[in-house]
């Protein structure tokens, strides 16, 4: 269950995401380039982890 405040936050995020995408004519390549540029300009270190090996899922018993 969500409250009204959470809904306002979600709606604000959606509005900003839509406006950002519209600024680049919804071109995913340009949107991604802009987001990478913003990350670099922010000067905040980003966490990068090495890839993990896939793990086998446990076997399901047949019923």
N, C-alpha and C. Protein backbone atom coordinates (compact mmCIF):
# COMPACT_ATOMS: atom_id res chain seq x y z
N UNK A 1 0.85 -1.17 0.00
CA UNK A 1 0.00 0.00 0.00
C UNK A 1 0.90 1.24 0.00
N UNK A 2 0.59 2.22 -0.81
CA UNK A 2 1.38 3.45 -0.85
C UNK A 2 0.55 4.60 -0.31
N UNK A 3 1.26 5.57 0.23
CA UNK A 3 0.54 6.74 0.70
C UNK A 3 0.62 7.86 -0.34
N UNK A 4 -0.09 8.92 -0.08
CA UNK A 4 -0.17 10.03 -1.03
C UNK A 4 1.19 10.65 -1.30
N UNK A 5 2.04 10.78 -0.28
CA UNK A 5 3.37 11.38 -0.44
C UNK A 5 4.23 10.55 -1.39
N UNK A 6 4.20 9.23 -1.23
CA UNK A 6 4.97 8.37 -2.11
C UNK A 6 4.49 8.51 -3.55
N UNK A 7 3.18 8.61 -3.72
CA UNK A 7 2.63 8.79 -5.06
C UNK A 7 3.11 10.09 -5.69
N UNK A 8 3.21 11.14 -4.89
CA UNK A 8 3.71 12.43 -5.39
C UNK A 8 5.15 12.30 -5.85
N UNK A 9 5.96 11.58 -5.11
CA UNK A 9 7.36 11.39 -5.46
C UNK A 9 7.47 10.60 -6.76
N UNK A 10 6.72 9.54 -6.87
CA UNK A 10 6.73 8.72 -8.09
C UNK A 10 6.31 9.56 -9.28
N UNK A 11 5.26 10.34 -9.13
CA UNK A 11 4.79 11.19 -10.22
C UNK A 11 5.84 12.22 -10.62
N UNK A 12 6.53 12.80 -9.66
CA UNK A 12 7.58 13.78 -9.96
C UNK A 12 8.72 13.11 -10.74
N UNK A 13 9.10 11.92 -10.35
CA UNK A 13 10.15 11.19 -11.07
C UNK A 13 9.70 10.92 -12.50
N UNK A 14 8.47 10.49 -12.66
CA UNK A 14 7.96 10.21 -14.01
C UNK A 14 7.91 11.46 -14.87
N UNK A 15 7.51 12.59 -14.29
CA UNK A 15 7.48 13.86 -15.05
C UNK A 15 8.88 14.24 -15.50
N UNK A 16 9.84 14.14 -14.59
CA UNK A 16 11.23 14.51 -14.93
C UNK A 16 11.81 13.57 -15.99
N UNK A 17 11.54 12.27 -15.84
CA UNK A 17 12.04 11.29 -16.81
C UNK A 17 11.44 11.58 -18.19
N UNK A 18 10.15 11.86 -18.23
CA UNK A 18 9.47 12.17 -19.49
C UNK A 18 10.05 13.44 -20.12
N UNK A 19 10.26 14.47 -19.33
CA UNK A 19 10.82 15.72 -19.85
C UNK A 19 12.24 15.51 -20.37
N UNK A 20 13.03 14.72 -19.66
CA UNK A 20 14.40 14.45 -20.10
C UNK A 20 14.38 13.69 -21.42
N UNK A 21 13.55 12.68 -21.53
CA UNK A 21 13.45 11.90 -22.76
C UNK A 21 12.96 12.78 -23.91
N UNK A 22 11.99 13.63 -23.65
CA UNK A 22 11.45 14.50 -24.70
C UNK A 22 12.52 15.47 -25.20
N UNK A 23 13.40 15.91 -24.31
CA UNK A 23 14.46 16.84 -24.70
C UNK A 23 15.40 16.22 -25.73
N UNK A 24 15.43 14.89 -25.78
CA UNK A 24 16.29 14.17 -26.73
C UNK A 24 15.45 13.41 -27.75
N UNK A 25 14.23 13.88 -27.96
CA UNK A 25 13.31 13.27 -28.94
C UNK A 25 13.16 11.77 -28.71
N UNK A 26 13.22 11.35 -27.46
CA UNK A 26 13.04 9.95 -27.07
C UNK A 26 14.04 9.02 -27.75
N UNK A 27 15.21 9.57 -28.13
CA UNK A 27 16.29 8.79 -28.76
C UNK A 27 17.12 8.17 -27.64
N UNK A 28 17.02 6.85 -27.47
CA UNK A 28 17.70 6.18 -26.36
C UNK A 28 19.21 6.38 -26.38
N UNK A 29 19.79 6.40 -27.56
CA UNK A 29 21.25 6.62 -27.65
C UNK A 29 21.62 7.98 -27.07
N UNK A 30 20.90 9.01 -27.44
CA UNK A 30 21.20 10.36 -26.94
C UNK A 30 20.89 10.49 -25.45
N UNK A 31 19.83 9.85 -25.00
CA UNK A 31 19.48 9.89 -23.58
C UNK A 31 20.60 9.25 -22.77
N UNK A 32 21.06 8.07 -23.20
CA UNK A 32 22.12 7.37 -22.49
C UNK A 32 23.42 8.18 -22.49
N UNK A 33 23.74 8.80 -23.61
CA UNK A 33 24.94 9.64 -23.68
C UNK A 33 24.85 10.79 -22.69
N UNK A 34 23.69 11.41 -22.60
CA UNK A 34 23.51 12.52 -21.66
C UNK A 34 23.63 12.05 -20.22
N UNK A 35 23.07 10.90 -19.90
CA UNK A 35 23.16 10.39 -18.54
C UNK A 35 24.62 10.07 -18.18
N UNK A 36 25.37 9.50 -19.14
CA UNK A 36 26.79 9.24 -18.88
C UNK A 36 27.55 10.55 -18.67
N UNK A 37 27.21 11.57 -19.47
CA UNK A 37 27.86 12.87 -19.32
C UNK A 37 27.57 13.45 -17.94
N UNK A 38 26.32 13.35 -17.50
CA UNK A 38 25.95 13.87 -16.18
C UNK A 38 26.70 13.13 -15.07
N UNK A 39 26.87 11.83 -15.22
CA UNK A 39 27.62 11.06 -14.23
C UNK A 39 29.05 11.55 -14.13
N UNK A 40 29.69 11.79 -15.28
CA UNK A 40 31.08 12.26 -15.29
C UNK A 40 31.18 13.64 -14.66
N UNK A 41 30.26 14.53 -15.01
CA UNK A 41 30.31 15.90 -14.50
C UNK A 41 30.00 15.98 -13.02
N UNK A 42 29.26 15.03 -12.49
CA UNK A 42 28.90 15.05 -11.07
C UNK A 42 30.14 14.87 -10.20
N UNK A 43 31.14 14.17 -10.71
CA UNK A 43 32.36 13.98 -9.95
C UNK A 43 32.21 13.08 -8.74
N UNK A 44 31.13 12.33 -8.70
CA UNK A 44 30.88 11.41 -7.59
C UNK A 44 31.35 10.03 -8.03
N UNK A 45 32.14 9.36 -7.20
CA UNK A 45 32.59 8.03 -7.62
C UNK A 45 31.42 7.06 -7.73
N UNK A 46 31.44 6.28 -8.79
CA UNK A 46 30.40 5.30 -9.02
C UNK A 46 30.92 3.92 -8.60
N UNK A 47 30.05 3.12 -8.08
CA UNK A 47 30.42 1.77 -7.67
C UNK A 47 30.43 0.89 -8.90
N UNK A 48 31.50 0.17 -9.09
CA UNK A 48 31.60 -0.76 -10.19
C UNK A 48 32.08 -2.09 -9.61
N UNK A 49 31.31 -3.10 -9.81
CA UNK A 49 31.66 -4.41 -9.26
C UNK A 49 31.95 -5.38 -10.40
N UNK A 50 32.84 -6.32 -10.16
CA UNK A 50 33.11 -7.30 -11.20
C UNK A 50 31.90 -8.20 -11.40
N UNK A 51 31.75 -8.75 -12.59
CA UNK A 51 30.61 -9.64 -12.83
C UNK A 51 30.71 -10.87 -11.94
N UNK A 52 29.55 -11.39 -11.55
CA UNK A 52 29.51 -12.59 -10.72
C UNK A 52 29.19 -13.80 -11.59
N UNK A 53 29.66 -14.94 -11.14
CA UNK A 53 29.34 -16.18 -11.83
C UNK A 53 27.88 -16.52 -11.57
N UNK A 54 27.17 -17.00 -12.57
CA UNK A 54 25.78 -17.40 -12.33
C UNK A 54 25.73 -18.60 -11.37
N UNK A 55 24.71 -18.63 -10.57
CA UNK A 55 24.54 -19.73 -9.62
C UNK A 55 23.37 -20.59 -10.08
N UNK A 56 23.51 -21.88 -9.87
CA UNK A 56 22.42 -22.79 -10.21
C UNK A 56 21.27 -22.60 -9.23
N UNK A 57 20.08 -22.64 -9.76
CA UNK A 57 18.90 -22.58 -8.90
C UNK A 57 18.66 -23.95 -8.29
N UNK A 58 18.11 -23.99 -7.09
CA UNK A 58 17.82 -25.29 -6.49
C UNK A 58 16.79 -26.03 -7.34
N UNK A 59 16.92 -27.34 -7.35
CA UNK A 59 15.97 -28.18 -8.10
C UNK A 59 14.62 -28.14 -7.43
N UNK A 60 13.59 -28.03 -8.23
CA UNK A 60 12.22 -28.04 -7.71
C UNK A 60 11.74 -29.48 -7.67
N UNK A 61 11.10 -29.82 -6.60
CA UNK A 61 10.55 -31.16 -6.52
C UNK A 61 9.24 -31.21 -7.28
N UNK A 62 9.02 -32.30 -7.98
CA UNK A 62 7.77 -32.43 -8.71
C UNK A 62 6.68 -32.92 -7.78
N UNK A 63 5.53 -32.31 -7.90
CA UNK A 63 4.43 -32.68 -6.99
C UNK A 63 3.45 -33.59 -7.64
